Amino acid sequence: MRDEDVPAWWGALGLPGLVDMHVHFLPARVMAAVWRFFDEARERYGVSWPVTYRTSDAERIATLRTLGAGSIQPWCIRTNLVWRNR
């Protein structure tokens, strides 16, 4: 499915829109480390895990809006509430 197909998909299901429950908005250094983790997935785990939306915060929010996200509940928005998931 392509991004442009998403609104028609959720519309056909009779949904009023989407809610995104897991989007990372992190400080630049932390965000770079997260993307690096995914960049190294093939070497570390034998499986590629590409980041599809490697864009600025504003661009990711715009993408969510284009997809029909009426509510965005970010995992962490540039605060000190950042922790290691290891």
Protein backbone atom coordinates (compact mmCIF):
# COMPACT_ATOMS: atom_id res chain seq x y z
CA MET A 1 0.00 0.00 0.00
CA ARG A 2 1.25 3.46 -0.88
CA ASP A 3 0.83 6.50 1.37
CA GLU A 4 -1.69 8.02 -1.00
CA ASP A 5 -3.87 4.89 -0.73
CA VAL A 6 -4.19 5.05 3.05
CA PRO A 7 -7.04 7.61 3.40
CA ALA A 8 -9.25 5.65 0.98
CA TRP A 9 -8.43 2.44 2.86
CA TRP A 10 -9.51 3.71 6.27
CA GLY A 11 -12.45 5.54 4.68
CA ALA A 12 -13.69 2.29 3.10
CA LEU A 13 -13.59 0.72 6.55
CA GLY A 14 -15.94 3.43 7.79
CA LEU A 15 -13.35 4.90 10.14
CA PRO A 16 -13.24 8.65 10.80
CA GLY A 17 -9.42 8.67 10.58
CA LEU A 18 -6.35 7.20 12.22
CA VAL A 19 -4.56 7.61 15.54
CA ASP A 20 -0.81 7.13 15.58
CA MET A 21 0.34 5.73 18.89
CA HIS A 22 4.06 5.29 18.31
CA VAL A 23 6.05 7.99 16.60
CA HIS A 24 9.43 9.09 17.91
CA PHE A 25 10.21 12.79 18.21
CA LEU A 26 13.52 12.82 20.00
CA PRO A 27 16.49 15.16 20.47
CA ALA A 28 18.69 15.14 17.34
CA ARG A 29 21.52 13.04 18.87
CA VAL A 30 19.09 10.44 20.18
CA MET A 31 17.13 10.33 16.93
CA ALA A 32 20.39 9.79 15.01
CA ALA A 33 21.23 6.88 17.32
CA VAL A 34 17.79 5.32 16.76
CA TRP A 35 18.19 5.57 12.99
CA ARG A 36 21.72 4.15 13.23
CA PHE A 37 20.33 1.17 15.15
CA PHE A 38 17.98 0.42 12.26
CA ASP A 39 20.69 1.10 9.65
CA GLU A 40 22.86 -1.59 11.28
CA ALA A 41 20.08 -4.18 11.57
CA ARG A 42 21.25 -6.36 8.66
CA GLU A 43 24.80 -6.62 10.03
CA ARG A 44 23.68 -7.14 13.63
CA TYR A 45 20.57 -9.29 13.23
CA GLY A 46 20.60 -10.57 9.64
CA VAL A 47 17.43 -8.68 8.71
CA SER A 48 17.11 -5.24 7.13
CA TRP A 49 14.84 -2.80 8.94
CA PRO A 50 14.84 0.39 6.86
CA VAL A 51 13.48 3.67 8.21
CA THR A 52 10.78 4.73 5.76
CA TYR A 53 10.16 8.24 7.05
CA ARG A 54 13.62 9.59 7.84
CA THR A 55 12.54 13.20 7.72
CA SER A 56 12.32 16.21 10.00
CA ASP A 57 9.78 16.36 12.82
CA ALA A 58 7.62 18.76 10.82
CA GLU A 59 7.70 16.51 7.75
CA ARG A 60 6.78 13.43 9.79
CA ILE A 61 3.84 15.27 11.34
CA ALA A 62 2.74 16.42 7.87
CA THR A 63 2.98 12.81 6.62
CA LEU A 64 0.82 11.60 9.51
CA ARG A 65 -1.74 14.29 8.73
CA THR A 66 -1.73 13.34 5.03
CA LEU A 67 -2.32 9.70 5.98
CA GLY A 68 -5.35 10.79 8.00
CA ALA A 69 -4.04 10.84 11.54
CA GLY A 70 -6.47 13.04 13.41
CA SER A 71 -4.66 12.48 16.68
CA ILE A 72 -0.95 12.02 17.16
CA GLN A 73 0.25 10.66 20.47
CA PRO A 74 4.05 10.84 20.20
CA TRP A 75 6.20 8.48 22.19
CA CYS A 76 8.47 11.27 23.36
CA ILE A 77 8.53 14.89 22.24
CA ARG A 78 11.97 16.41 22.84
CA THR A 79 11.89 16.19 26.59
CA ASN A 80 14.03 14.64 29.26
CA LEU A 81 11.75 11.61 29.21
CA VAL A 82 14.17 9.67 27.03
CA TRP A 83 15.39 6.29 28.24
CA ARG A 84 17.27 3.34 26.87
CA ASN A 85 15.21 0.45 25.55
CA ARG A 86 18.00 -2.10 25.93
